[in-house]
């Protein structure tokens, strides 16, 4: 995992995501999930591209089942972009860097 991508759990979720002044893209994943592993380099690259504009975080759904349930994470991988504590966009499944970047850019203009 890239150092620019924070590892978040249920305890740090409110502070790091909901209370953040900066938009946060959260990658919901699990160790056993091969599609999740395919998204790791995409998220790492995007964290460099958006440095200073968007924070990046990962939440392991196996370690944080209540959080995953509360956010209605029904399948993984899921990327959710939060801004001012609200969900702006949700991307499910394996996506290309280009598609994720497009969705981030559209959401940030809202």
N, C-alpha and C. Protein backbone atom coordinates (compact mmCIF):
# COMPACT_ATOMS: atom_id res chain seq x y z
N UNK A 1 0.84 -1.18 0.00
CA UNK A 1 0.00 0.00 0.00
C UNK A 1 0.89 1.24 0.00
N UNK A 2 0.54 2.22 -0.78
CA UNK A 2 1.28 3.46 -0.86
C UNK A 2 1.13 4.22 0.46
N UNK A 3 2.19 4.92 0.87
CA UNK A 3 2.16 5.66 2.12
C UNK A 3 1.16 6.81 2.10
N UNK A 4 0.77 7.27 0.92
CA UNK A 4 -0.18 8.36 0.81
C UNK A 4 -1.62 7.89 1.08
N UNK A 5 -1.83 6.59 1.15
CA UNK A 5 -3.16 6.03 1.36
C UNK A 5 -3.28 5.60 2.82
N UNK A 6 -4.21 6.25 3.56
CA UNK A 6 -4.40 5.96 4.98
C UNK A 6 -5.18 4.67 5.17
N UNK A 7 -4.87 3.96 6.24
CA UNK A 7 -5.64 2.78 6.63
C UNK A 7 -6.62 3.25 7.70
N UNK A 8 -7.90 3.16 7.41
CA UNK A 8 -8.95 3.68 8.30
C UNK A 8 -9.72 2.52 8.91
N UNK A 9 -10.17 2.72 10.15
CA UNK A 9 -11.04 1.74 10.79
C UNK A 9 -12.25 2.48 11.36
N UNK A 10 -13.11 1.75 12.03
CA UNK A 10 -14.34 2.34 12.57
C UNK A 10 -14.05 3.49 13.52
N UNK A 11 -12.96 3.40 14.26
CA UNK A 11 -12.63 4.45 15.23
C UNK A 11 -12.15 5.73 14.58
N UNK A 12 -11.41 5.63 13.48
CA UNK A 12 -10.86 6.83 12.84
C UNK A 12 -11.75 7.35 11.70
N UNK A 13 -12.81 6.62 11.38
CA UNK A 13 -13.68 6.97 10.25
C UNK A 13 -14.25 8.38 10.35
N UNK A 14 -14.85 8.72 11.48
CA UNK A 14 -15.47 10.03 11.63
C UNK A 14 -14.44 11.15 11.47
N UNK A 15 -13.33 11.04 12.19
CA UNK A 15 -12.31 12.09 12.17
C UNK A 15 -11.68 12.24 10.78
N UNK A 16 -11.26 11.13 10.20
CA UNK A 16 -10.50 11.18 8.95
C UNK A 16 -11.36 11.37 7.70
N UNK A 17 -12.64 10.97 7.75
CA UNK A 17 -13.47 11.03 6.55
C UNK A 17 -14.62 12.02 6.71
N UNK A 18 -15.47 11.80 7.70
CA UNK A 18 -16.64 12.66 7.84
C UNK A 18 -16.29 14.09 8.24
N UNK A 19 -15.28 14.26 9.09
CA UNK A 19 -14.90 15.59 9.55
C UNK A 19 -13.80 16.23 8.72
N UNK A 20 -13.40 15.60 7.64
CA UNK A 20 -12.30 16.11 6.82
C UNK A 20 -12.72 17.33 6.01
N UNK A 21 -11.85 18.34 5.99
CA UNK A 21 -12.08 19.53 5.15
C UNK A 21 -11.74 19.24 3.69
N UNK A 22 -10.97 18.18 3.48
CA UNK A 22 -10.54 17.78 2.14
C UNK A 22 -11.39 16.59 1.70
N UNK A 23 -11.79 16.53 0.41
CA UNK A 23 -12.51 15.34 -0.07
C UNK A 23 -11.66 14.08 0.16
N UNK A 24 -12.34 12.96 0.41
CA UNK A 24 -11.64 11.70 0.70
C UNK A 24 -12.21 10.60 -0.19
N UNK A 25 -11.33 9.92 -0.92
CA UNK A 25 -11.72 8.74 -1.69
C UNK A 25 -11.39 7.51 -0.84
N UNK A 26 -12.41 6.72 -0.54
CA UNK A 26 -12.23 5.55 0.32
C UNK A 26 -12.39 4.27 -0.51
N UNK A 27 -11.40 3.41 -0.39
CA UNK A 27 -11.39 2.11 -1.06
C UNK A 27 -11.80 1.05 -0.05
N UNK A 28 -12.98 0.45 -0.25
CA UNK A 28 -13.46 -0.63 0.60
C UNK A 28 -12.99 -1.94 -0.01
N UNK A 29 -12.28 -2.78 0.75
CA UNK A 29 -11.61 -3.94 0.22
C UNK A 29 -11.52 -5.05 1.27
N UNK A 30 -10.97 -6.20 0.86
CA UNK A 30 -10.64 -7.31 1.77
C UNK A 30 -9.42 -8.04 1.22
N UNK A 31 -8.67 -8.65 2.12
CA UNK A 31 -7.43 -9.36 1.74
C UNK A 31 -7.68 -10.43 0.68
N UNK A 32 -8.76 -11.18 0.80
CA UNK A 32 -9.05 -12.33 -0.06
C UNK A 32 -9.59 -11.93 -1.44
N UNK A 33 -9.89 -10.66 -1.64
CA UNK A 33 -10.58 -10.18 -2.84
C UNK A 33 -9.58 -9.82 -3.95
N UNK A 34 -9.51 -10.66 -4.97
CA UNK A 34 -8.57 -10.39 -6.08
C UNK A 34 -8.90 -9.11 -6.84
N UNK A 35 -10.17 -8.82 -7.15
CA UNK A 35 -10.46 -7.54 -7.80
C UNK A 35 -10.02 -6.34 -6.95
N UNK A 36 -10.10 -6.49 -5.62
CA UNK A 36 -9.64 -5.42 -4.74
C UNK A 36 -8.14 -5.20 -4.92
N UNK A 37 -7.42 -6.28 -5.00
CA UNK A 37 -5.96 -6.19 -5.19
C UNK A 37 -5.63 -5.53 -6.54
N UNK A 38 -6.49 -5.75 -7.52
CA UNK A 38 -6.28 -5.12 -8.84
C UNK A 38 -6.47 -3.60 -8.75
N UNK A 39 -7.27 -3.14 -7.81
CA UNK A 39 -7.53 -1.70 -7.67
C UNK A 39 -6.44 -0.99 -6.87
N UNK A 40 -5.65 -1.73 -6.10
CA UNK A 40 -4.63 -1.11 -5.25
C UNK A 40 -3.67 -0.21 -6.03
N UNK A 41 -3.09 -0.66 -7.16
CA UNK A 41 -2.18 0.24 -7.88
C UNK A 41 -2.90 1.45 -8.46
N UNK A 42 -4.17 1.31 -8.83
CA UNK A 42 -4.94 2.43 -9.35
C UNK A 42 -5.11 3.49 -8.26
N UNK A 43 -5.50 3.04 -7.07
CA UNK A 43 -5.69 3.96 -5.95
C UNK A 43 -4.36 4.62 -5.57
N UNK A 44 -3.28 3.84 -5.56
CA UNK A 44 -1.97 4.39 -5.23
C UNK A 44 -1.54 5.47 -6.23
N UNK A 45 -1.75 5.22 -7.51
CA UNK A 45 -1.40 6.21 -8.54
C UNK A 45 -2.25 7.48 -8.40
N UNK A 46 -3.55 7.29 -8.17
CA UNK A 46 -4.43 8.44 -8.03
C UNK A 46 -4.07 9.27 -6.80
N UNK A 47 -3.60 8.61 -5.74
CA UNK A 47 -3.22 9.35 -4.53
C UNK A 47 -2.07 10.31 -4.83
N UNK A 48 -1.22 9.94 -5.76
CA UNK A 48 -0.12 10.84 -6.18
C UNK A 48 -0.65 11.94 -7.09
N UNK A 49 -1.56 11.58 -8.01
CA UNK A 49 -2.12 12.56 -8.95
C UNK A 49 -2.91 13.66 -8.25
N UNK A 50 -3.59 13.31 -7.18
CA UNK A 50 -4.47 14.26 -6.48
C UNK A 50 -3.89 14.74 -5.16
N UNK A 51 -2.59 14.59 -4.99
CA UNK A 51 -1.94 14.98 -3.74
C UNK A 51 -2.26 16.45 -3.42
N UNK A 52 -2.74 16.68 -2.19
CA UNK A 52 -3.10 18.02 -1.76
C UNK A 52 -4.53 18.42 -2.12
N UNK A 53 -5.19 17.64 -2.98
CA UNK A 53 -6.57 17.96 -3.40
C UNK A 53 -7.58 16.96 -2.84
N UNK A 54 -7.18 15.69 -2.76
CA UNK A 54 -8.04 14.62 -2.28
C UNK A 54 -7.21 13.72 -1.38
N UNK A 55 -7.78 13.33 -0.24
CA UNK A 55 -7.13 12.34 0.61
C UNK A 55 -7.60 10.96 0.16
N UNK A 56 -6.78 9.95 0.39
CA UNK A 56 -7.10 8.58 0.00
C UNK A 56 -7.00 7.67 1.21
N UNK A 57 -7.98 6.76 1.31
CA UNK A 57 -8.03 5.86 2.46
C UNK A 57 -8.52 4.49 2.02
N UNK A 58 -8.18 3.49 2.83
CA UNK A 58 -8.64 2.12 2.60
C UNK A 58 -9.33 1.65 3.87
N UNK A 59 -10.44 0.94 3.70
CA UNK A 59 -11.14 0.33 4.83
C UNK A 59 -11.33 -1.15 4.51
N UNK A 60 -10.78 -2.00 5.36
CA UNK A 60 -10.92 -3.44 5.22
C UNK A 60 -12.30 -3.82 5.77
N UNK A 61 -13.18 -4.32 4.90
CA UNK A 61 -14.55 -4.63 5.30
C UNK A 61 -14.62 -5.81 6.28
N UNK A 62 -13.65 -6.72 6.22
CA UNK A 62 -13.64 -7.84 7.16
C UNK A 62 -13.33 -7.37 8.58
N UNK A 63 -12.49 -6.36 8.70
CA UNK A 63 -12.11 -5.82 10.01
C UNK A 63 -13.10 -4.78 10.52
N UNK A 64 -13.98 -4.28 9.64
CA UNK A 64 -14.92 -3.22 9.99
C UNK A 64 -16.31 -3.54 9.45
N UNK A 65 -16.89 -4.68 9.86
CA UNK A 65 -18.16 -5.12 9.28
C UNK A 65 -19.33 -4.17 9.55
N UNK A 66 -19.38 -3.55 10.74
CA UNK A 66 -20.49 -2.65 11.03
C UNK A 66 -20.44 -1.42 10.12
N UNK A 67 -19.25 -0.89 9.93
CA UNK A 67 -19.08 0.26 9.04
C UNK A 67 -19.50 -0.10 7.62
N UNK A 68 -19.09 -1.27 7.15
CA UNK A 68 -19.46 -1.72 5.81
C UNK A 68 -20.98 -1.87 5.69
N UNK A 69 -21.60 -2.41 6.72
CA UNK A 69 -23.06 -2.56 6.72
C UNK A 69 -23.75 -1.20 6.75
N UNK A 70 -23.29 -0.31 7.61
CA UNK A 70 -23.88 1.03 7.72
C UNK A 70 -23.81 1.78 6.40
N UNK A 71 -22.75 1.58 5.64
CA UNK A 71 -22.57 2.26 4.35
C UNK A 71 -23.12 1.46 3.18
N UNK A 72 -23.78 0.35 3.48
CA UNK A 72 -24.40 -0.50 2.46
C UNK A 72 -23.40 -0.96 1.40
N UNK A 73 -22.24 -1.43 1.87
CA UNK A 73 -21.24 -2.02 0.98
C UNK A 73 -21.68 -3.45 0.75
N UNK A 74 -22.25 -3.71 -0.43
CA UNK A 74 -22.82 -5.02 -0.73
C UNK A 74 -21.87 -5.92 -1.50
N UNK A 75 -20.90 -5.32 -2.19
CA UNK A 75 -19.88 -6.08 -2.89
C UNK A 75 -18.62 -5.23 -2.90
N UNK A 76 -17.49 -5.87 -3.11
CA UNK A 76 -16.22 -5.13 -3.14
C UNK A 76 -15.45 -5.52 -4.39
N UNK A 77 -14.57 -4.68 -4.87
CA UNK A 77 -14.19 -3.39 -4.32
C UNK A 77 -15.24 -2.31 -4.59
N UNK A 78 -15.26 -1.34 -3.68
CA UNK A 78 -16.10 -0.16 -3.84
C UNK A 78 -15.24 1.05 -3.50
N UNK A 79 -15.29 2.06 -4.34
CA UNK A 79 -14.65 3.35 -4.06
C UNK A 79 -15.76 4.36 -3.82
N UNK A 80 -15.67 5.09 -2.70
CA UNK A 80 -16.65 6.14 -2.40
C UNK A 80 -15.89 7.44 -2.18
N UNK A 81 -16.33 8.49 -2.86
CA UNK A 81 -15.75 9.81 -2.66
C UNK A 81 -16.65 10.60 -1.73
N UNK A 82 -16.08 11.03 -0.59
CA UNK A 82 -16.79 11.84 0.39
C UNK A 82 -16.29 13.27 0.33
N UNK A 83 -17.21 14.21 0.48
CA UNK A 83 -16.85 15.63 0.57
C UNK A 83 -17.76 16.25 1.62
N UNK A 84 -17.17 16.92 2.60
CA UNK A 84 -17.93 17.51 3.71
C UNK A 84 -18.81 16.47 4.39
N UNK A 85 -18.29 15.25 4.52
CA UNK A 85 -19.00 14.20 5.22
C UNK A 85 -20.11 13.52 4.44
N UNK A 86 -20.29 13.91 3.18
CA UNK A 86 -21.36 13.34 2.37
C UNK A 86 -20.78 12.56 1.19
N UNK A 87 -21.48 11.48 0.83
CA UNK A 87 -21.07 10.68 -0.31
C UNK A 87 -21.40 11.43 -1.60
N UNK A 88 -20.37 11.64 -2.45
CA UNK A 88 -20.58 12.29 -3.74
C UNK A 88 -20.76 11.29 -4.86
N UNK A 89 -19.96 10.24 -4.83
CA UNK A 89 -20.03 9.23 -5.89
C UNK A 89 -19.56 7.89 -5.36
N UNK A 90 -20.06 6.82 -5.97
CA UNK A 90 -19.72 5.45 -5.59
C UNK A 90 -19.40 4.68 -6.85
N UNK A 91 -18.25 4.01 -6.86
CA UNK A 91 -17.81 3.21 -8.00
C UNK A 91 -17.61 1.78 -7.52
N UNK A 92 -18.33 0.84 -8.13
CA UNK A 92 -18.28 -0.55 -7.72
C UNK A 92 -17.53 -1.38 -8.76
N UNK A 93 -16.74 -2.33 -8.27
CA UNK A 93 -16.02 -3.23 -9.16
C UNK A 93 -14.69 -2.66 -9.59
N UNK A 94 -14.03 -3.40 -10.48
CA UNK A 94 -12.73 -2.98 -10.99
C UNK A 94 -12.96 -1.89 -12.04
N UNK A 95 -12.26 -0.79 -11.86
CA UNK A 95 -12.35 0.35 -12.79
C UNK A 95 -10.96 0.76 -13.22
N UNK A 96 -10.85 1.31 -14.40
CA UNK A 96 -9.57 1.82 -14.86
C UNK A 96 -9.26 3.14 -14.15
N UNK A 97 -8.00 3.49 -14.12
CA UNK A 97 -7.58 4.76 -13.53
C UNK A 97 -8.31 5.91 -14.22
N UNK A 98 -8.43 5.84 -15.53
CA UNK A 98 -9.09 6.88 -16.31
C UNK A 98 -10.55 7.06 -15.88
N UNK A 99 -11.28 5.95 -15.69
CA UNK A 99 -12.69 6.02 -15.28
C UNK A 99 -12.84 6.60 -13.87
N UNK A 100 -11.97 6.16 -12.97
CA UNK A 100 -12.04 6.66 -11.59
C UNK A 100 -11.71 8.15 -11.57
N UNK A 101 -10.69 8.53 -12.31
CA UNK A 101 -10.28 9.94 -12.39
C UNK A 101 -11.44 10.80 -12.92
N UNK A 102 -12.10 10.32 -13.95
CA UNK A 102 -13.24 11.04 -14.53
C UNK A 102 -14.34 11.24 -13.48
N UNK A 103 -14.66 10.17 -12.76
CA UNK A 103 -15.70 10.26 -11.75
C UNK A 103 -15.31 11.20 -10.61
N UNK A 104 -14.04 11.18 -10.21
CA UNK A 104 -13.57 12.10 -9.17
C UNK A 104 -13.71 13.54 -9.66
N UNK A 105 -13.25 13.80 -10.87
CA UNK A 105 -13.30 15.16 -11.41
C UNK A 105 -14.74 15.67 -11.50
N UNK A 106 -15.65 14.83 -11.97
CA UNK A 106 -17.07 15.22 -12.08
C UNK A 106 -17.63 15.52 -10.68
N UNK A 107 -17.35 14.64 -9.73
CA UNK A 107 -17.88 14.80 -8.36
C UNK A 107 -17.32 16.05 -7.70
N UNK A 108 -16.06 16.35 -7.92
CA UNK A 108 -15.44 17.50 -7.27
C UNK A 108 -16.01 18.83 -7.80
N UNK A 109 -16.58 18.80 -8.98
CA UNK A 109 -17.17 20.02 -9.55
C UNK A 109 -18.56 20.31 -8.99
N UNK A 110 -19.15 19.34 -8.29
CA UNK A 110 -20.50 19.50 -7.74
C UNK A 110 -20.51 20.51 -6.60
